[in-house]
Amino acid sequence: MSKCRVLLVDDEEAYVETLAKRLTRRGLTVFTANRGERALEVLAGNPVDVVILDMKMPGMDGIETLTRIKRDHADVEVIMLTGHANVDAAIQGMEQGAFDYLMKPAEMDDLFYKIEDAHKKRVLAGHAANCP
């Protein structure tokens, strides 16, 4: 996989730090945000291929964040992370353009392969960021 740029959006700081380290070790460029509003700021200033988006956050929730991402960055793929109680929200997200969703806590391999699939979709569509 060519160098993929990923944005992790989750309000659980320890989870984001651990996930960022693991994905970086697998060769990905990782940006992080702890709120939906911050995710939009990161996206405005950085080319990103795939967003990993938690559904339940304070402030702007996952669905609202997804809607804004798809409106302003339609070619960015979004993978949603959801708890068991939020499967309906994940399905709603899929209807609004999310690439896929995973249940939290997601297995690292499952998440990595899902990111690879989303990145391949962008490459095939000709939208992947040109990474060094």
Protein backbone atom coordinates (compact mmCIF):
# COMPACT_ATOMS: atom_id res chain seq x y z
CA MET A 1 0.00 0.00 0.00
CA SER A 2 1.38 3.45 -0.86
CA LYS A 3 1.81 5.78 2.10
CA CYS A 4 -1.70 6.35 3.37
CA ARG A 5 -2.68 9.38 5.45
CA VAL A 6 -5.16 8.63 8.22
CA LEU A 7 -7.02 10.92 10.61
CA LEU A 8 -8.11 9.34 13.91
CA VAL A 9 -11.04 11.14 15.54
CA ASP A 10 -11.96 10.00 19.05
CA ASP A 11 -12.32 11.74 22.41
CA GLU A 12 -10.61 8.87 24.29
CA GLU A 13 -7.03 10.19 24.33
CA ALA A 14 -5.30 6.99 25.50
CA TYR A 15 -7.08 4.99 22.77
CA VAL A 16 -6.09 7.51 20.09
CA GLU A 17 -2.45 7.57 21.24
CA THR A 18 -2.18 3.77 21.22
CA LEU A 19 -3.90 3.45 17.85
CA ALA A 20 -1.77 6.21 16.32
CA LYS A 21 1.44 4.48 17.44
CA ARG A 22 0.31 1.11 16.08
CA LEU A 23 -0.77 2.53 12.72
CA THR A 24 2.43 4.58 12.40
CA ARG A 25 4.45 1.39 12.99
CA ARG A 26 2.55 -0.14 10.07
CA GLY A 27 3.74 2.65 7.79
CA LEU A 28 0.78 5.03 7.85
CA THR A 29 0.95 8.79 8.34
CA VAL A 30 -1.39 9.52 11.24
CA PHE A 31 -3.11 12.74 12.31
CA THR A 32 -5.33 12.87 15.40
CA ALA A 33 -8.26 14.93 16.64
CA ASN A 34 -10.26 14.60 19.85
CA ARG A 35 -13.47 16.25 18.57
CA GLY A 36 -15.40 16.56 15.34
CA GLU A 37 -14.71 20.29 15.12
CA ARG A 38 -10.96 19.67 15.40
CA ALA A 39 -11.16 16.93 12.75
CA LEU A 40 -12.57 19.45 10.27
CA GLU A 41 -9.68 21.83 11.05
CA VAL A 42 -7.12 19.05 10.45
CA LEU A 43 -8.80 18.10 7.17
CA ALA A 44 -8.77 21.71 5.99
CA GLY A 45 -4.99 21.85 6.36
CA ASN A 46 -3.80 18.34 5.51
CA PRO A 47 -4.38 15.86 2.70
CA VAL A 48 -6.01 12.81 4.28
CA ASP A 49 -7.09 9.58 2.59
CA VAL A 50 -9.07 7.87 5.36
CA VAL A 51 -10.79 9.12 8.52
CA ILE A 52 -11.39 6.75 11.45
CA LEU A 53 -14.33 8.40 13.19
CA ASP A 54 -15.81 7.59 16.58
CA MET A 55 -19.59 7.92 16.58
CA LYS A 56 -20.01 9.14 20.16
CA MET A 57 -18.13 12.30 21.06
CA PRO A 58 -18.91 15.48 22.98
CA GLY A 59 -19.86 18.47 20.87
CA MET A 60 -20.28 17.49 17.24
CA ASP A 61 -21.17 13.78 17.17
CA GLY A 62 -20.00 11.24 14.60
CA ILE A 63 -22.97 11.59 12.24
CA GLU A 64 -22.72 15.39 12.11
CA THR A 65 -18.94 15.16 11.64
CA LEU A 66 -19.39 12.59 8.86
CA THR A 67 -21.94 14.82 7.13
CA ARG A 68 -19.54 17.77 7.21
CA ILE A 69 -16.58 15.66 6.03
CA LYS A 70 -18.55 14.29 3.08
CA ARG A 71 -19.84 17.77 2.21
CA ASP A 72 -16.42 19.46 2.31
CA HIS A 73 -14.11 16.52 1.42
CA ALA A 74 -16.33 14.16 -0.57
CA ASP A 75 -13.44 11.98 -1.76
CA VAL A 76 -12.16 11.19 1.76
CA GLU A 77 -13.19 7.72 2.94
CA VAL A 78 -14.62 7.45 6.45
CA ILE A 79 -14.60 4.33 8.65
CA MET A 80 -16.80 4.68 11.70
CA LEU A 81 -16.12 3.17 15.11
CA THR A 82 -19.18 2.41 17.17
CA GLY A 83 -20.22 0.65 20.35
CA HIS A 84 -22.82 -2.11 20.35
CA ALA A 85 -25.59 0.32 21.28
CA ASN A 86 -24.87 2.52 18.26
CA VAL A 87 -25.16 0.07 15.37
CA ASP A 88 -28.20 1.96 14.06
CA ALA A 89 -26.10 5.14 13.94
CA ALA A 90 -23.38 3.27 12.04
CA ILE A 91 -25.93 2.08 9.49
CA GLN A 92 -27.20 5.65 9.19
CA GLY A 93 -23.60 6.71 8.60
CA MET A 94 -23.23 4.15 5.81
CA GLU A 95 -26.33 5.64 4.19
CA GLN A 96 -24.63 9.06 4.38
CA GLY A 97 -21.50 7.93 2.59
CA ALA A 98 -19.26 6.23 5.15
CA PHE A 99 -17.03 3.52 3.68
CA ASP A 100 -17.69 1.03 6.49
CA TYR A 101 -17.85 0.66 10.25
CA LEU A 102 -16.23 -1.43 12.96
CA MET A 103 -17.31 -2.19 16.51
CA LYS A 104 -15.17 -0.79 19.33
CA PRO A 105 -12.73 -1.96 20.43
CA ALA A 106 -11.69 -2.89 16.89
CA GLU A 107 -9.04 -5.54 16.35
CA MET A 108 -5.88 -3.90 14.98
CA ASP A 109 -5.67 -6.21 11.96
CA ASP A 110 -9.34 -5.67 11.10
CA LEU A 111 -8.91 -1.91 11.29
CA PHE A 112 -5.70 -1.95 9.25
CA TYR A 113 -7.26 -4.07 6.49
CA LYS A 114 -10.34 -1.82 6.43
CA ILE A 115 -8.03 1.21 6.07
CA GLU A 116 -6.19 -0.57 3.23
CA ASP A 117 -9.50 -1.27 1.45
CA ALA A 118 -10.66 2.33 1.82
CA HIS A 119 -7.29 3.62 0.56
CA LYS A 120 -7.42 1.26 -2.45
CA LYS A 121 -10.86 2.65 -3.30
CA ARG A 122 -9.42 6.19 -3.28
CA VAL A 123 -6.42 5.14 -5.40
CA LEU A 124 -8.71 3.49 -7.95
CA ALA A 125 -10.86 6.61 -8.04
CA GLY A 126 -7.73 8.74 -8.55
CA HIS A 127 -8.17 10.71 -5.31
CA ALA A 128 -5.36 9.39 -3.08
CA ALA A 129 -3.00 12.01 -1.71
CA ASN A 130 0.37 12.08 -3.40
CA CYS A 131 2.58 11.04 -0.56
CA PRO A 132 6.37 11.08 -0.65
